[in-house]
């Protein structure tokens, strides 16, 4: 179903299609650890039975209706302590894929790397890295994008179908997604991490506007920045406080 891409330099030149599997990330990780897997390899399935998201959550997708894939990168140019720009680049690539389908570019990034349309989630990512001394050896990028699914069992989610009121071509969305990931990854590799961060901040849900958050308690704050290590910097009553992933939740 999913063909090798003609319009990319290296990403998607090897596509492994599985009608069904437990987790594309798990398969890609096993391949990365145990074989000389080619950078740019994509593993995609129509039915992911045990998909994983951030915070140990599950990613549920109706078979044959969405994009569920993992791709392998080898960002050896990134220091292990400065890997968050990769997260930003991938988030922007998925955001562009979504916004290019919508009329008003209304999607945004919910820190650290979920894609929302309004207050509903349309895509999520799980990035798992292998380290080689002080640099990244490989990165497995898991992406789930809701395309033609409409029933989410009461979850606060949406899809391209919900937003456009029509089905989309899965293979076309797949091609655009992979092309966008490669474009942003090559920008990162060319040393344009500052430009990527500036675009990422502009695209953040709630950037420089007041939102409600929850830690051990609920409070209002304003997102000011994302640190080099990926912490969310929030202004609370005139003082700045940094939060790591899992330390803070959005109240939307």
Protein backbone atom coordinates (compact mmCIF):
# COMPACT_ATOMS: atom_id res chain seq x y z
CA UNK A 1 0.00 0.00 0.00
CA UNK A 2 2.68 2.53 0.99
CA UNK A 3 5.28 3.07 -1.72
CA UNK A 4 8.91 4.17 -1.49
CA UNK A 5 8.98 7.96 -1.68
CA UNK A 6 10.34 9.61 -4.82
CA UNK A 7 10.51 13.20 -3.54
CA UNK A 8 12.85 12.72 -0.58
CA UNK A 9 16.62 12.44 -0.31
CA UNK A 10 16.81 9.57 2.17
CA UNK A 11 13.71 9.34 4.33
CA UNK A 12 11.19 6.77 3.16
CA UNK A 13 13.53 5.11 0.67
CA UNK A 14 12.89 1.90 2.60
CA UNK A 15 9.31 1.37 3.72
CA UNK A 16 8.32 -1.68 5.74
CA UNK A 17 4.55 -2.12 5.64
CA UNK A 18 2.84 -4.40 8.14
CA UNK A 19 -0.92 -4.93 7.90
CA UNK A 20 -0.96 -5.37 11.68
CA UNK A 21 1.62 -5.22 14.48
CA UNK A 22 1.81 -4.58 18.20
CA UNK A 23 3.96 -1.42 18.09
CA UNK A 24 5.94 0.09 15.23
CA UNK A 25 8.24 1.79 17.74
CA UNK A 26 9.07 -1.52 19.43
CA UNK A 27 9.86 -3.12 16.08
CA UNK A 28 12.01 -0.17 14.99
CA UNK A 29 13.87 -0.15 18.31
CA UNK A 30 14.64 -3.85 18.04
CA UNK A 31 15.92 -3.36 14.51
CA UNK A 32 18.04 -0.37 15.53
CA UNK A 33 19.64 -2.30 18.40
CA UNK A 34 20.22 -5.58 16.60
CA UNK A 35 20.95 -4.71 12.97
CA UNK A 36 22.55 -2.09 10.76
CA UNK A 37 19.22 -0.54 9.85
CA UNK A 38 19.37 2.17 7.18
CA UNK A 39 18.69 5.74 8.30
CA UNK A 40 15.37 6.87 6.93
CA UNK A 41 13.67 3.47 7.21
CA UNK A 42 9.94 3.78 7.85
CA UNK A 43 7.78 1.11 9.49
CA UNK A 44 4.06 1.65 9.00
CA UNK A 45 0.98 -0.36 9.88
CA UNK A 46 -2.78 -0.18 9.35
CA UNK A 47 -3.49 -1.76 12.73
CA UNK A 48 -1.29 -1.06 15.76
CA UNK A 49 -2.60 -3.14 18.63
CA UNK A 50 -0.34 -1.89 21.44
CA UNK A 51 0.64 1.62 20.39
CA UNK A 52 2.41 3.69 23.03
CA UNK A 53 2.21 7.40 23.70
CA UNK A 54 3.82 9.82 26.12
CA UNK A 55 3.53 9.32 29.90
CA UNK A 56 3.12 5.58 29.31
CA UNK A 57 -0.32 6.13 27.78
CA UNK A 58 -1.73 3.95 25.04
CA UNK A 59 -2.36 5.26 21.53
CA UNK A 60 -5.65 3.90 20.22
CA UNK A 61 -6.40 4.09 16.49
CA UNK A 62 -9.10 2.40 14.43
CA UNK A 63 -7.58 -0.07 11.93
CA UNK A 64 -7.10 1.27 8.42
CA UNK A 65 -8.20 4.83 9.18
CA UNK A 66 -5.10 6.63 10.43
CA UNK A 67 -1.34 7.05 10.06
CA UNK A 68 0.62 5.00 12.60
CA UNK A 69 4.32 4.75 11.82
CA UNK A 70 7.84 4.87 13.15
CA UNK A 71 10.89 6.16 11.33
CA UNK A 72 14.55 5.81 12.12
CA UNK A 73 17.00 8.71 12.22
CA UNK A 74 20.66 8.77 13.17
CA UNK A 75 21.24 12.29 14.54
CA UNK A 76 24.83 11.71 15.63
CA UNK A 77 25.40 15.47 15.26
CA UNK A 78 23.28 16.09 18.39
CA UNK A 79 24.72 15.93 21.89
CA UNK A 80 22.71 13.77 24.25
CA UNK A 81 22.30 16.72 26.62
CA UNK A 82 21.01 18.95 23.79
CA UNK A 83 18.56 16.66 22.02
CA UNK A 84 15.36 18.65 22.46
CA UNK A 85 15.70 20.49 19.11
CA UNK A 86 14.95 17.12 17.46
CA UNK A 87 11.66 17.04 19.33
CA UNK A 88 10.86 20.56 18.12
CA UNK A 89 11.74 19.74 14.50
CA UNK A 90 9.53 16.63 14.41
CA UNK A 91 6.67 18.50 16.10
CA UNK A 92 6.84 21.24 13.47
CA UNK A 93 6.85 18.67 10.66
CA UNK A 94 3.69 17.01 11.95
CA UNK A 95 2.09 20.41 12.58
CA UNK A 96 2.79 21.49 9.00
CA UNK A 97 1.30 18.25 7.68
CA UNK A 98 -1.91 18.93 9.59
CA UNK A 99 -2.11 22.65 8.84
CA UNK A 100 -1.51 22.14 5.13
CA UNK A 101 -4.78 20.18 5.07
CA UNK A 102 -6.77 22.77 7.01
CA UNK A 103 -8.05 26.06 5.67
CA UNK A 104 -6.95 28.38 8.48
CA UNK A 105 -3.72 26.88 9.87
CA UNK A 106 -5.59 26.40 13.12
CA UNK A 107 -3.56 23.55 14.63
CA UNK A 108 -0.90 24.17 17.28
CA UNK A 109 1.67 22.25 19.33
CA UNK A 110 0.74 21.37 22.89
CA UNK A 111 4.03 21.09 24.73
CA UNK A 112 6.01 18.98 24.42
CA UNK A 113 4.89 17.40 21.13
CA UNK A 114 1.17 16.78 20.76
CA UNK A 115 -0.72 18.46 17.93
CA UNK A 116 -4.08 20.01 18.77
CA UNK A 117 -6.84 21.61 16.74
CA UNK A 118 -8.52 23.94 19.18
CA UNK A 119 -8.71 21.93 22.39
CA UNK A 120 -8.73 18.49 20.76
CA UNK A 121 -5.77 16.24 20.00
CA UNK A 122 -5.19 15.20 16.40
CA UNK A 123 -1.64 13.78 16.53
CA UNK A 124 0.98 12.60 18.98
CA UNK A 125 4.62 11.57 18.94
CA UNK A 126 6.89 9.28 20.93
CA UNK A 127 10.63 9.75 20.40
CA UNK A 128 12.96 7.09 21.83
CA UNK A 129 16.71 7.58 21.58
CA UNK A 130 19.77 5.36 21.74
CA UNK A 131 22.94 7.00 23.03
CA UNK A 132 26.55 6.57 21.97
CA UNK A 133 28.73 8.16 24.62
CA UNK A 134 27.81 11.87 24.51
CA UNK A 135 25.82 11.90 21.27
CA UNK A 136 22.64 10.35 19.91
CA UNK A 137 23.28 7.08 18.10
CA UNK A 138 19.77 6.68 16.74
CA UNK A 139 16.26 8.03 17.26
CA UNK A 140 13.05 6.13 16.67
CA UNK A 141 10.25 8.57 15.91
CA UNK A 142 6.77 7.20 16.49
CA UNK A 143 3.93 9.27 15.02
CA UNK A 144 0.19 8.76 15.26
CA UNK A 145 -2.02 11.04 13.17
CA UNK A 146 -5.82 10.82 13.21
CA UNK A 147 -6.98 10.95 9.59
CA UNK A 148 -10.29 9.21 8.81
CA UNK A 149 -11.43 8.16 12.29
CA UNK A 150 -14.47 9.86 13.83
CA UNK A 151 -15.33 7.82 16.92
CA UNK A 152 -12.84 8.33 19.77
CA UNK A 153 -14.86 6.78 22.57
CA UNK A 154 -15.41 10.03 24.40
CA UNK A 155 -11.77 11.12 24.32
CA UNK A 156 -10.94 14.77 23.65
CA UNK A 157 -9.69 14.05 20.14
CA UNK A 158 -10.32 15.00 16.53
CA UNK A 159 -9.20 13.99 13.04
CA UNK A 160 -8.78 15.44 9.59
CA UNK A 161 -12.15 13.89 8.73
CA UNK A 162 -13.83 15.64 11.63
CA UNK A 163 -12.27 18.96 10.64
CA UNK A 164 -12.81 18.66 6.87
CA UNK A 165 -16.04 16.64 6.85
CA UNK A 166 -14.55 14.22 4.32
CA UNK A 167 -12.06 11.36 4.08
CA UNK A 168 -8.43 12.02 3.14
CA UNK A 169 -6.06 9.89 1.06
CA UNK A 170 -3.90 8.04 3.60
CA UNK A 171 -1.02 7.49 1.21
CA UNK A 172 -0.93 11.17 0.26
CA UNK A 173 -0.90 12.21 3.94
CA UNK A 174 1.89 9.67 4.54
CA UNK A 175 3.98 11.13 1.71
CA UNK A 176 3.52 14.72 2.91
CA UNK A 177 4.34 13.76 6.49
CA UNK A 178 7.60 12.01 5.58
CA UNK A 179 8.62 14.87 3.26
CA UNK A 180 8.01 17.40 6.03
CA UNK A 181 9.95 15.38 8.62
CA UNK A 182 12.92 15.18 6.27
CA UNK A 183 12.80 18.92 5.50
CA UNK A 184 12.85 19.95 9.17
CA UNK A 185 15.42 17.30 10.06
CA UNK A 186 17.77 18.60 7.35
CA UNK A 187 17.29 22.14 8.70
CA UNK A 188 18.31 20.88 12.12
CA UNK A 189 21.30 19.05 10.67
CA UNK A 190 22.35 22.28 8.91
CA UNK A 191 22.59 24.03 12.27
CA UNK A 192 19.34 25.99 12.12
CA UNK A 193 18.19 25.02 15.60
CA UNK A 194 17.55 28.65 16.61
CA UNK A 195 15.15 29.21 13.71
CA UNK A 196 13.44 25.91 14.55
CA UNK A 197 13.02 26.96 18.18
CA UNK A 198 11.58 30.35 17.20
CA UNK A 199 9.02 28.68 14.93
CA UNK A 200 8.25 26.10 17.61
CA UNK A 201 7.55 28.78 20.22
CA UNK A 202 5.30 30.70 17.84
CA UNK A 203 3.38 27.47 17.25
CA UNK A 204 2.90 26.56 20.92
CA UNK A 205 -0.60 26.34 22.32
CA UNK A 206 -0.86 29.13 24.89
CA UNK A 207 2.46 30.80 24.12
CA UNK A 208 2.52 34.19 25.86
CA UNK A 209 -1.13 33.89 26.83
CA UNK A 210 -2.62 32.89 30.18
CA UNK A 211 -3.58 29.25 30.66
CA UNK A 212 -4.60 27.04 33.55
CA UNK A 213 -2.17 24.33 34.70
CA UNK A 214 -2.08 21.59 37.30
CA UNK A 215 0.84 20.32 39.37
CA UNK A 216 0.11 19.43 42.99
CA UNK A 217 -2.35 22.31 42.73
CA UNK A 218 -4.07 24.36 40.01
CA UNK A 219 -2.78 27.74 38.92
CA UNK A 220 -2.76 30.24 36.06
CA UNK A 221 0.45 31.00 34.20
CA UNK A 222 1.90 32.18 30.91
CA UNK A 223 4.28 30.10 28.79
CA UNK A 224 7.43 32.16 28.22
CA UNK A 225 10.00 29.74 26.82
CA UNK A 226 11.20 26.17 26.44
CA UNK A 227 14.68 25.54 27.85
CA UNK A 228 17.56 23.81 26.07
CA UNK A 229 16.72 20.60 27.92
CA UNK A 230 13.04 20.86 26.97
CA UNK A 231 11.59 22.18 30.21
CA UNK A 232 8.54 24.43 30.00
CA UNK A 233 9.21 27.90 31.40
CA UNK A 234 6.03 29.40 32.86
CA UNK A 235 5.55 32.85 34.36
CA UNK A 236 3.47 32.61 37.54
CA UNK A 237 2.58 35.86 39.29
CA UNK A 238 5.63 37.59 37.88
CA UNK A 239 8.15 34.83 38.64
CA UNK A 240 9.45 32.22 36.20
CA UNK A 241 9.35 28.51 37.01
CA UNK A 242 10.57 25.59 34.89
CA UNK A 243 8.72 22.29 34.64
CA UNK A 244 9.90 18.97 33.27
CA UNK A 245 7.66 16.60 31.39
CA UNK A 246 5.21 14.82 33.72
CA UNK A 247 5.55 17.61 36.31
CA UNK A 248 2.76 19.74 34.84
CA UNK A 249 -0.57 19.22 33.08
CA UNK A 250 -2.61 21.61 30.97
CA UNK A 251 -6.21 22.26 31.98
CA UNK A 252 -7.98 22.81 28.66
